[in-house]
Amino acid sequence: MAEVVVVGGGVAGLGVALALAGQDHHVTVLERDALPEAASPEEAFAAWQRRGAPQARHSHAFLARLRNLLRDRAPAVLAELLAAGATEIDLVAHPPAALAGMPAQPGDEDLVDIACRRTTFEWVLRRHVAATGAADLRTADVTGLVAGPDRPGADPPQVGGVHLRGGEVVAADVVVEAAGRRSPLPRWLAAIGAGPVDETEEGTGIVYSSRFYATTPGGGAPPLDRLVLGDLGHLKYALFPGDNGTFSITFGVRADDAELRSLLRAGPFTRAARALPLRPWLEPGASEPITGVEVMGGLVNRLRRFSPGGRPAATGVFAVGDSSVCTNPLYGRGCALALVQAFALADVLAAHPVAGDDASLAFDRATAAEVEPWYRAAVAQDQADRADAAATAAGDASGAGMAAILREGLLPAARTDPLVYRAFVRSFNLLDPPGTMMADPEVVGRIMATWQARDQLGPAAADAGPTRAELLAILGDEP
């Protein structure tokens, strides 16, 4: 039996414990944040303060790739999520209005998202892991790695456990670091003589704000059966259905757009939301806010490779989730990619029971194949958005930049053309590799035709919402 220590008890860490269930391991999950017992998703939402995971108070998309992983490899968890109030959003049964009633096709059964709050998802995972004995859950602050005693002076070093604040050492055959985007793993590796780690980081250039709401029974709010997405160039927005009658709204603006940073405050946030297609959910009596406006900035796309040049920095240690690869949270990929990595690690450890060089290299290959492409896609999309913003600021409205084509071609076409819609939702939900949609000549042709006809399109075919000047006027109104 292998002793496995997982650093971090969020979605990634609990996902590792879930994925390893049924294998011959003893798993201990160490979570820094003290989480009080919660008897319901509502109690967890109210009581859990996630200092180590501030994104827990923001919108989350639990994409079809994640839902299908649970369906196929952890169906009990999917059932428990639905029993806790999460819902499945069938993207074919509930497409944009212009595509209502479109006939089903093979593969549509995979186009289903999970709608719930991040805290609800984590609450269900945590309860399942504890109830099934998949892992022991402890509150503990990990401060570093322990070099393994079995291979003193080994090159690369072997990791044999972790140090806790207060001096305790927890021995392990395998350490999984899932501490999130602020992970200190490269520094911990250097402290035991390991490394180097190949790290690439690029800022997203965005700041975003979110607020949660609860619908009022009988208040007339529209059904929470789909995501509502929009990109106005100066503002990205989305409405995310949650569990148990909740939903959240998120805005993303350029970090250097000082005037639109007023969207980080409650009054301007509400006025902007009511000027967008989100208004029906915010009509008087339809819903009430249940949080203030939460803000996140300093967001990066980051890729860490732990076997640069084909040589592991250390053996016996693996990074999962944002500790390994993190992407712009506006694309909603973090939880899905973390679960993809968690199950990939379980497969690697099943094939390589001794966590040596072969296991490290096999896991890095799986990460490179399944996760890294989405990092590159996020970087490319953010670069395109920055180029588009720079051209707009310079008064250049004549270019056909990729961001403009996606905003004024892809999104309108995806609301009116079933071929483009399916290609878009498959890509958005990580079911097709990045680039698949834009490599299909027929799909690209339809997107470009929509983009070229953008001046003739009616408001139903274009992103509805105010221009930047109109939005600034709205934000300047008195509450």
Protein backbone atom coordinates (compact mmCIF):
# COMPACT_ATOMS: atom_id res chain seq x y z
CA MET A 1 0.00 0.00 0.00
CA ALA A 2 1.37 3.41 -0.99
CA GLU A 3 1.07 6.40 1.30
CA VAL A 4 -0.21 9.34 -0.75
CA VAL A 5 -0.30 12.88 0.64
CA VAL A 6 -2.32 15.47 -1.27
CA VAL A 7 -1.50 19.11 -0.53
CA GLY A 8 -4.69 21.14 -0.99
CA GLY A 9 -8.27 20.13 -0.36
CA GLY A 10 -10.01 22.09 -3.09
CA VAL A 11 -11.47 20.66 -6.29
CA ALA A 12 -8.09 19.50 -7.62
CA GLY A 13 -6.97 17.83 -4.39
CA LEU A 14 -10.32 16.19 -3.70
CA GLY A 15 -10.42 15.15 -7.34
CA VAL A 16 -7.13 13.30 -6.87
CA ALA A 17 -8.55 11.49 -3.84
CA LEU A 18 -11.64 10.60 -5.86
CA ALA A 19 -9.62 9.36 -8.83
CA LEU A 20 -7.38 7.20 -6.63
CA ALA A 21 -10.34 5.53 -4.89
CA GLY A 22 -10.26 1.78 -5.43
CA GLN A 23 -6.50 1.64 -5.86
CA ASP A 24 -4.31 0.21 -3.12
CA HIS A 25 -3.31 3.54 -1.56
CA HIS A 26 -3.82 5.28 1.74
CA VAL A 27 -4.60 8.90 0.86
CA THR A 28 -4.37 11.90 3.21
CA VAL A 29 -5.61 15.31 2.03
CA LEU A 30 -4.08 18.30 3.83
CA GLU A 31 -6.08 21.53 3.52
CA ARG A 32 -4.83 24.80 4.98
CA ASP A 33 -8.25 26.46 5.34
CA ALA A 34 -10.31 25.29 8.31
CA LEU A 35 -13.72 24.43 6.88
CA PRO A 36 -16.51 24.08 9.44
CA GLU A 37 -18.96 21.22 9.13
CA ALA A 38 -21.79 22.15 6.79
CA ALA A 39 -25.03 20.20 6.58
CA SER A 40 -26.12 21.67 3.26
CA PRO A 41 -24.81 23.56 0.24
CA GLU A 42 -26.32 26.73 1.69
CA GLU A 43 -24.37 26.33 4.94
CA ALA A 44 -21.16 25.71 3.01
CA PHE A 45 -21.74 28.79 0.83
CA ALA A 46 -22.34 30.94 3.90
CA ALA A 47 -19.61 29.58 6.19
CA TRP A 48 -16.66 28.49 4.09
CA GLN A 49 -14.02 31.18 3.83
CA ARG A 50 -11.52 29.97 1.25
CA ARG A 51 -8.41 32.09 1.82
CA GLY A 52 -6.49 29.62 -0.34
CA ALA A 53 -9.12 29.56 -3.09
CA PRO A 54 -10.63 33.05 -3.49
CA GLN A 55 -12.11 31.95 -6.83
CA ALA A 56 -14.65 29.92 -4.83
CA ARG A 57 -16.72 33.12 -4.49
CA HIS A 58 -16.86 33.60 -8.26
CA SER A 59 -18.81 32.06 -11.11
CA HIS A 60 -17.82 28.59 -12.26
CA ALA A 61 -18.60 26.58 -15.35
CA PHE A 62 -18.55 22.81 -14.81
CA LEU A 63 -18.03 21.89 -18.42
CA ALA A 64 -19.17 18.82 -20.32
CA ARG A 65 -15.66 17.33 -20.23
CA LEU A 66 -15.84 17.29 -16.42
CA ARG A 67 -19.43 16.05 -16.33
CA ASN A 68 -18.59 13.20 -18.70
CA LEU A 69 -15.59 12.21 -16.56
CA LEU A 70 -17.89 11.91 -13.57
CA ARG A 71 -20.52 10.08 -15.60
CA ASP A 72 -17.99 7.53 -16.80
CA ARG A 73 -15.63 7.18 -13.82
CA ALA A 74 -17.42 8.48 -10.73
CA PRO A 75 -21.17 8.19 -11.37
CA ALA A 76 -21.98 8.20 -7.65
CA VAL A 77 -20.55 11.72 -7.34
CA LEU A 78 -22.62 12.93 -10.29
CA ALA A 79 -25.73 11.48 -8.65
CA GLU A 80 -24.84 13.15 -5.34
CA LEU A 81 -24.38 16.51 -7.06
CA LEU A 82 -27.83 16.27 -8.61
CA ALA A 83 -29.32 15.20 -5.28
CA ALA A 84 -27.71 18.28 -3.68
CA GLY A 85 -29.50 20.59 -6.10
CA ALA A 86 -27.11 20.83 -9.03
CA THR A 87 -28.71 20.50 -12.45
CA GLU A 88 -27.59 19.23 -15.81
CA ILE A 89 -27.79 21.72 -18.69
CA ASP A 90 -28.46 19.92 -21.96
CA LEU A 91 -26.88 22.23 -24.52
CA VAL A 92 -28.82 20.69 -27.42
CA ALA A 93 -32.18 20.66 -25.65
CA HIS A 94 -31.66 24.29 -24.61
CA PRO A 95 -29.82 26.06 -27.46
CA PRO A 96 -30.14 29.73 -28.40
CA ALA A 97 -33.71 30.73 -29.27
CA ALA A 98 -33.12 30.72 -33.05
CA LEU A 99 -32.02 27.07 -32.88
CA ALA A 100 -34.88 25.76 -30.75
CA GLY A 101 -35.99 22.31 -31.83
CA MET A 102 -32.87 21.47 -33.79
CA PRO A 103 -32.67 17.69 -34.37
CA ALA A 104 -30.34 15.58 -32.26
CA GLN A 105 -27.17 14.07 -33.68
CA PRO A 106 -24.80 11.33 -32.48
CA GLY A 107 -22.53 12.76 -29.79
CA ASP A 108 -25.12 15.19 -28.46
CA GLU A 109 -25.43 13.07 -25.33
CA ASP A 110 -21.99 14.40 -24.35
CA LEU A 111 -23.04 18.06 -24.63
CA VAL A 112 -24.27 18.44 -21.06
CA ASP A 113 -22.89 20.81 -18.41
CA ILE A 114 -23.34 20.78 -14.63
CA ALA A 115 -24.81 23.93 -13.10
CA CYS A 116 -23.88 24.62 -9.47
CA ARG A 117 -21.83 26.89 -7.27
CA ARG A 118 -18.16 26.09 -6.70
CA THR A 119 -18.81 25.62 -2.99
CA THR A 120 -21.57 23.11 -3.71
CA PHE A 121 -19.32 21.11 -6.02
CA GLU A 122 -16.57 21.08 -3.42
CA TRP A 123 -19.04 20.28 -0.59
CA VAL A 124 -20.28 17.19 -2.46
CA LEU A 125 -16.75 16.04 -3.32
CA ARG A 126 -15.59 16.51 0.27
CA ARG A 127 -18.55 14.61 1.74
CA HIS A 128 -18.14 11.79 -0.78
CA VAL A 129 -14.42 11.39 -0.15
CA ALA A 130 -14.96 11.36 3.61
CA ALA A 131 -18.00 9.05 3.57
CA THR A 132 -16.42 6.48 1.25
CA GLY A 133 -13.08 6.46 3.02
CA ALA A 134 -11.29 7.51 -0.15
CA ALA A 135 -9.07 9.80 1.95
CA ASP A 136 -8.42 11.12 5.44
CA LEU A 137 -9.10 14.86 5.55
CA ARG A 138 -6.92 17.03 7.79
CA THR A 139 -6.58 20.75 8.36
CA ALA A 140 -2.85 21.46 8.13
CA ASP A 141 -0.52 24.05 6.64
CA VAL A 142 2.22 22.46 4.55
CA THR A 143 5.49 24.40 4.53
CA GLY A 144 7.79 22.28 2.38
CA LEU A 145 8.87 18.91 1.02
CA VAL A 146 10.88 16.19 2.71
CA ALA A 147 13.62 14.45 0.78
CA GLY A 148 13.01 10.72 0.73
CA PRO A 149 15.12 8.61 3.10
CA ASP A 150 15.37 5.65 0.73
CA ARG A 151 17.54 7.41 -1.85
CA PRO A 152 19.75 9.93 -0.03
CA GLY A 153 21.66 12.07 -2.47
CA ALA A 154 19.67 10.67 -5.40
CA ASP A 155 19.72 12.60 -8.65
CA PRO A 156 16.97 13.57 -9.24
CA PRO A 157 15.91 13.78 -5.58
CA GLN A 158 13.13 11.58 -4.30
CA VAL A 159 10.34 13.23 -2.30
CA GLY A 160 9.40 11.33 0.83
CA GLY A 161 6.76 13.52 2.49
CA VAL A 162 5.96 17.03 3.64
CA HIS A 163 6.75 19.39 6.50
CA LEU A 164 3.83 20.95 8.39
CA ARG A 165 3.80 24.27 10.20
CA GLY A 166 4.64 23.43 13.79
CA GLY A 167 7.32 20.89 12.91
CA GLU A 168 5.39 17.70 12.12
CA VAL A 169 6.60 15.57 9.20
CA VAL A 170 4.09 13.50 7.24
CA ALA A 171 5.86 10.70 5.39
CA ALA A 172 4.62 9.66 1.96
CA ASP A 173 5.55 7.53 -1.03
CA VAL A 174 3.75 10.01 -3.29
CA VAL A 175 3.10 13.72 -2.76
CA VAL A 176 0.50 15.41 -4.95
CA GLU A 177 0.68 19.20 -4.87
CA ALA A 178 -2.75 20.72 -5.60
CA ALA A 179 -2.44 24.00 -3.72
CA GLY A 180 -3.67 26.19 -6.57
CA ARG A 181 -2.38 29.10 -8.58
CA ARG A 182 -0.33 30.46 -5.66
CA SER A 183 1.50 27.15 -5.32
CA PRO A 184 5.04 27.40 -3.89
CA LEU A 185 6.08 24.06 -5.38
CA PRO A 186 9.07 25.33 -7.42
CA ARG A 187 10.49 26.94 -4.27
CA TRP A 188 9.89 23.77 -2.25
CA LEU A 189 11.64 21.69 -4.90
CA ALA A 190 14.64 24.01 -4.94
CA ALA A 191 14.90 23.71 -1.16
CA ILE A 192 15.58 19.95 -1.43
CA GLY A 193 18.03 20.37 -4.30
CA ALA A 194 15.57 19.57 -7.07
CA GLY A 195 14.92 21.38 -10.28
CA PRO A 196 14.88 23.39 -12.27
CA VAL A 197 11.21 23.74 -13.14
CA ASP A 198 10.46 25.19 -16.57
CA GLU A 199 7.88 27.92 -15.95
CA THR A 200 6.17 30.18 -18.48
CA GLU A 201 3.78 32.90 -17.36
CA GLU A 202 1.81 35.59 -19.15
CA GLY A 203 -0.68 38.01 -17.67
CA THR A 204 -4.25 37.84 -18.88
CA GLY A 205 -4.68 41.60 -18.77
CA ILE A 206 -8.17 41.29 -17.28
CA VAL A 207 -9.91 41.87 -13.97
CA TYR A 208 -13.28 40.40 -13.26
CA SER A 209 -16.12 40.80 -10.82
CA SER A 210 -18.90 38.43 -9.81
CA ARG A 211 -22.08 38.52 -7.78
CA PHE A 212 -24.44 35.73 -6.70
CA TYR A 213 -28.23 35.90 -6.66
CA ALA A 214 -31.14 33.72 -5.52
CA THR A 215 -34.29 33.61 -7.59
CA THR A 216 -37.58 34.39 -5.86
CA PRO A 217 -40.13 31.57 -6.08
CA GLY A 218 -42.93 32.78 -8.31
CA GLY A 219 -41.00 35.95 -9.08
CA GLY A 220 -41.02 35.46 -12.83
CA ALA A 221 -37.31 34.90 -13.43
CA PRO A 222 -36.63 32.98 -16.66
CA PRO A 223 -35.52 29.34 -16.33
CA LEU A 224 -31.90 28.76 -15.32
CA ASP A 225 -31.34 26.24 -18.10
CA ARG A 226 -28.46 27.77 -20.04
CA LEU A 227 -25.40 29.98 -19.84
CA VAL A 228 -25.80 33.50 -21.20
CA LEU A 229 -22.56 34.74 -22.74
CA GLY A 230 -21.61 37.96 -24.46
CA ASP A 231 -18.53 39.85 -25.62
CA LEU A 232 -18.87 43.53 -26.44
CA GLY A 233 -15.13 44.04 -26.89
CA HIS A 234 -14.96 46.50 -24.00
CA LEU A 235 -16.89 44.12 -21.73
CA LYS A 236 -17.27 40.36 -21.45
CA TYR A 237 -20.24 39.12 -19.47
CA ALA A 238 -21.87 35.85 -18.48
CA LEU A 239 -24.72 34.52 -16.40
CA PHE A 240 -24.03 31.12 -14.84
CA PRO A 241 -26.92 29.03 -13.49
CA GLY A 242 -26.19 27.64 -10.05
CA ASP A 243 -27.81 25.10 -7.76
CA ASN A 244 -31.00 25.41 -5.73
CA GLY A 245 -32.33 28.46 -7.54
CA THR A 246 -29.11 30.47 -7.49
CA PHE A 247 -27.16 32.07 -10.31
CA SER A 248 -24.17 34.36 -10.69
CA ILE A 249 -23.15 37.13 -13.04
CA THR A 250 -19.55 37.85 -13.98
CA PHE A 251 -18.03 40.80 -15.84
CA GLY A 252 -14.54 40.87 -17.34
CA VAL A 253 -12.86 44.14 -18.31
CA ARG A 254 -9.37 45.17 -19.32
CA ALA A 255 -7.22 45.70 -16.24
CA ASP A 256 -5.99 49.00 -17.68
CA ASP A 257 -9.49 50.35 -18.40
CA ALA A 258 -9.76 52.65 -15.39
CA GLU A 259 -13.21 53.96 -16.31
CA LEU A 260 -14.83 50.51 -16.50
CA ARG A 261 -13.27 49.41 -13.23
CA SER A 262 -16.32 50.97 -11.61
CA LEU A 263 -17.97 47.63 -12.46
CA LEU A 264 -16.16 46.31 -9.41
CA ARG A 265 -18.67 48.19 -7.22
CA ALA A 266 -22.22 47.08 -6.48
CA GLY A 267 -24.14 50.07 -7.86
CA PRO A 268 -22.44 50.24 -11.27
CA PHE A 269 -22.39 46.41 -11.45
CA THR A 270 -26.18 46.29 -11.09
CA ARG A 271 -26.82 49.11 -13.57
CA ALA A 272 -24.62 47.44 -16.16
CA ALA A 273 -26.27 44.03 -15.69
CA ARG A 274 -29.70 45.57 -16.22
CA ALA A 275 -28.52 47.11 -19.49
CA LEU A 276 -27.59 43.67 -20.89
CA PRO A 277 -29.56 40.56 -21.87
CA LEU A 278 -29.19 39.59 -18.20
CA ARG A 279 -32.00 41.98 -17.24
CA PRO A 280 -34.88 39.41 -17.18
CA TRP A 281 -33.25 37.65 -14.22
CA LEU A 282 -32.87 40.97 -12.37
CA GLU A 283 -36.35 42.37 -12.77
CA PRO A 284 -37.94 43.57 -9.51
CA GLY A 285 -39.11 40.57 -7.54
CA ALA A 286 -37.34 38.03 -9.77
CA SER A 287 -34.21 37.65 -7.64
CA GLU A 288 -32.21 39.08 -4.79
CA PRO A 289 -28.41 39.39 -4.44
CA ILE A 290 -26.97 37.05 -1.81
CA THR A 291 -23.39 38.36 -1.93
CA GLY A 292 -21.62 41.58 -2.58
CA VAL A 293 -19.46 42.08 -5.65
CA GLU A 294 -16.36 39.90 -5.47
CA VAL A 295 -13.26 40.95 -7.43
CA MET A 296 -10.25 39.06 -8.79
CA GLY A 297 -7.24 40.54 -10.50
CA GLY A 298 -3.60 39.72 -11.11
CA LEU A 299 -4.69 36.73 -13.17
CA VAL A 300 -2.19 34.83 -15.27
CA ASN A 301 -1.86 31.99 -17.71
CA ARG A 302 0.96 29.83 -16.40
CA LEU A 303 2.55 26.56 -17.49
CA ARG A 304 5.01 24.59 -15.40
CA ARG A 305 6.94 21.64 -16.82
CA PHE A 306 8.45 19.43 -14.14
CA SER A 307 10.59 17.29 -16.46
CA PRO A 308 12.39 19.83 -18.64
CA GLY A 309 14.62 18.14 -21.17
CA GLY A 310 13.07 14.78 -20.35
CA ARG A 311 14.52 14.62 -16.82
CA PRO A 312 12.24 14.89 -13.76
CA ALA A 313 13.03 17.69 -11.33
CA ALA A 314 12.24 15.18 -8.59
CA THR A 315 10.48 11.85 -8.29
CA GLY A 316 7.55 11.00 -6.06
CA VAL A 317 5.90 14.40 -6.47
CA PHE A 318 3.21 15.48 -8.94
CA ALA A 319 1.45 18.82 -9.51
CA VAL A 320 -2.26 18.83 -10.39
CA GLY A 321 -4.59 21.68 -11.30
CA ASP A 322 -3.47 25.30 -11.15
CA SER A 323 -0.23 24.23 -9.45
CA SER A 324 0.68 22.74 -12.82
CA VAL A 325 -1.26 24.69 -15.47
CA CYS A 326 -3.56 27.63 -14.88
CA THR A 327 -5.51 29.51 -17.53
CA ASN A 328 -7.61 32.65 -17.71
CA PRO A 329 -10.60 31.90 -15.44
CA LEU A 330 -12.96 33.69 -17.81
CA TYR A 331 -12.81 30.58 -20.01
CA GLY A 332 -14.08 28.39 -17.18
CA ARG A 333 -11.63 25.52 -17.75
CA GLY A 334 -9.90 25.21 -14.39
CA CYS A 335 -12.05 22.61 -12.61
CA ALA A 336 -12.45 20.47 -15.72
CA LEU A 337 -8.71 20.41 -16.45
CA ALA A 338 -7.94 19.65 -12.80
CA LEU A 339 -10.19 16.58 -12.92
CA VAL A 340 -8.66 15.52 -16.24
CA GLN A 341 -5.23 15.65 -14.60
CA ALA A 342 -6.46 13.87 -11.46
CA PHE A 343 -7.74 10.88 -13.39
CA ALA A 344 -4.64 10.91 -15.63
CA LEU A 345 -2.48 10.69 -12.50
CA ALA A 346 -4.56 7.78 -11.20
CA ASP A 347 -3.97 5.97 -14.49
CA VAL A 348 -0.25 6.68 -14.34
CA LEU A 349 0.08 5.39 -10.77
CA ALA A 350 -1.90 2.28 -11.68
CA ALA A 351 0.58 1.59 -14.49
CA HIS A 352 3.66 2.64 -12.48
CA PRO A 353 3.17 1.62 -8.82
CA VAL A 354 6.66 2.87 -7.94
CA ALA A 355 6.58 6.64 -8.38
CA GLY A 356 9.97 6.91 -10.05
CA ASP A 357 11.26 8.45 -13.26
CA ASP A 358 8.86 6.47 -15.47
CA ALA A 359 5.82 7.67 -13.54
CA SER A 360 6.98 11.30 -13.60
CA LEU A 361 7.61 11.24 -17.33
CA ALA A 362 4.33 9.44 -18.08
CA PHE A 363 2.36 12.03 -16.12
CA ASP A 364 4.15 14.88 -17.87
CA ARG A 365 3.29 13.32 -21.24
CA ALA A 366 -0.37 13.06 -20.23
CA THR A 367 -0.38 16.70 -19.09
CA ALA A 368 1.28 17.81 -22.33
CA ALA A 369 -1.33 15.98 -24.39
CA GLU A 370 -4.50 16.77 -22.45
CA VAL A 371 -3.94 20.08 -20.64
CA GLU A 372 -1.13 22.11 -22.25
CA PRO A 373 -3.07 22.73 -25.51
CA TRP A 374 -5.69 24.63 -23.53
CA TYR A 375 -2.99 26.77 -21.94
CA ARG A 376 -1.73 27.72 -25.42
CA ALA A 377 -5.29 28.41 -26.56
CA ALA A 378 -5.88 30.73 -23.59
CA VAL A 379 -2.65 32.62 -24.25
CA ALA A 380 -3.53 33.02 -27.95
CA GLN A 381 -7.05 34.25 -27.14
CA ASP A 382 -5.75 36.77 -24.58
CA GLN A 383 -3.13 38.02 -27.03
CA ALA A 384 -5.81 38.47 -29.69
CA ASP A 385 -7.98 40.39 -27.22
CA ARG A 386 -5.09 42.70 -26.31
CA ALA A 387 -4.30 43.34 -29.97
CA ASP A 388 -7.96 44.10 -30.64
CA ALA A 389 -8.10 46.49 -27.67
CA ALA A 390 -4.94 48.26 -28.82
CA ALA A 391 -6.30 48.68 -32.34
CA THR A 392 -9.58 50.05 -31.00
CA ALA A 393 -7.76 52.49 -28.70
CA ALA A 394 -5.74 53.67 -31.70
CA GLY A 395 -8.92 54.30 -33.69
CA ASP A 396 -8.32 51.44 -36.11
CA ALA A 397 -11.70 49.84 -36.79
CA SER A 398 -10.77 48.46 -40.21
CA GLY A 399 -8.78 45.39 -39.19
CA ALA A 400 -10.04 41.81 -39.13
CA GLY A 401 -8.29 40.75 -35.96
CA MET A 402 -9.06 37.30 -34.61
CA ALA A 403 -10.77 38.67 -31.49
CA ALA A 404 -13.09 40.82 -33.63
CA ILE A 405 -13.88 37.90 -35.94
CA LEU A 406 -14.72 35.67 -32.98
CA ARG A 407 -16.82 38.38 -31.34
CA GLU A 408 -18.65 39.61 -34.45
CA GLY A 409 -18.59 36.38 -36.47
CA LEU A 410 -18.39 33.29 -34.30
CA LEU A 411 -20.72 34.33 -31.48
CA PRO A 412 -23.54 35.59 -33.73
CA ALA A 413 -23.19 32.54 -36.01
CA ALA A 414 -23.27 30.19 -33.03
CA ARG A 415 -26.69 31.60 -32.11
CA THR A 416 -28.21 31.03 -35.54
CA ASP A 417 -26.33 28.20 -37.30
CA PRO A 418 -26.54 24.64 -35.87
CA LEU A 419 -23.22 23.57 -37.39
CA VAL A 420 -21.35 26.50 -35.86
CA TYR A 421 -23.23 26.13 -32.58
CA ARG A 422 -22.22 22.49 -32.16
CA ALA A 423 -18.62 23.23 -33.10
CA PHE A 424 -18.53 26.13 -30.62
CA VAL A 425 -20.03 24.24 -27.67
CA ARG A 426 -17.79 21.22 -28.29
CA SER A 427 -14.73 23.47 -28.23
CA PHE A 428 -15.94 25.54 -25.27
CA ASN A 429 -16.57 22.33 -23.32
CA LEU A 430 -13.11 20.84 -24.04
CA LEU A 431 -14.57 17.95 -26.04
CA ASP A 432 -12.58 18.74 -29.19
CA PRO A 433 -8.92 19.78 -29.14
CA PRO A 434 -8.36 23.53 -29.47
CA GLY A 435 -8.17 24.55 -33.08
CA THR A 436 -10.56 21.84 -34.30
CA MET A 437 -13.39 24.30 -34.88
CA MET A 438 -11.25 26.78 -36.84
CA ALA A 439 -9.71 23.94 -38.88
CA ASP A 440 -13.10 23.00 -40.34
CA PRO A 441 -13.49 24.88 -43.67
CA GLU A 442 -17.29 24.78 -43.59
CA VAL A 443 -17.47 26.15 -40.05
CA VAL A 444 -14.91 28.87 -40.82
CA GLY A 445 -16.78 29.78 -43.99
CA ARG A 446 -20.02 30.30 -42.10
CA ILE A 447 -18.28 32.32 -39.38
CA MET A 448 -16.60 34.56 -41.96
CA ALA A 449 -19.87 35.04 -43.86
CA THR A 450 -21.50 36.22 -40.63
CA TRP A 451 -18.58 38.51 -39.85
CA GLN A 452 -18.60 40.03 -43.35
CA ALA A 453 -22.33 40.70 -43.07
CA ARG A 454 -22.11 42.14 -39.57
CA ASP A 455 -23.27 45.62 -40.60
CA GLN A 456 -26.47 44.14 -42.07
CA LEU A 457 -27.31 41.87 -39.14
CA GLY A 458 -30.26 42.68 -36.93
CA PRO A 459 -29.90 43.00 -33.17
CA ALA A 460 -30.95 39.37 -32.60
CA ALA A 461 -27.89 38.15 -34.51
CA ALA A 462 -25.34 40.38 -32.78
CA ASP A 463 -24.19 40.73 -29.21
CA ALA A 464 -26.82 42.86 -27.52
CA GLY A 465 -25.45 45.49 -25.24
CA PRO A 466 -24.40 49.11 -24.98
CA THR A 467 -21.40 50.62 -26.69
CA ARG A 468 -18.57 51.66 -24.42
CA ALA A 469 -19.74 55.27 -24.46
CA GLU A 470 -23.30 54.19 -23.66
CA LEU A 471 -22.07 51.95 -20.87
CA LEU A 472 -20.01 54.74 -19.32
CA ALA A 473 -23.10 56.96 -19.36
CA ILE A 474 -25.09 54.21 -17.61
CA LEU A 475 -22.37 53.72 -15.01
CA GLY A 476 -22.26 57.45 -14.36
CA ASP A 477 -25.93 57.57 -13.37
CA GLU A 478 -26.83 57.98 -9.73
CA PRO A 479 -27.79 54.70 -7.95
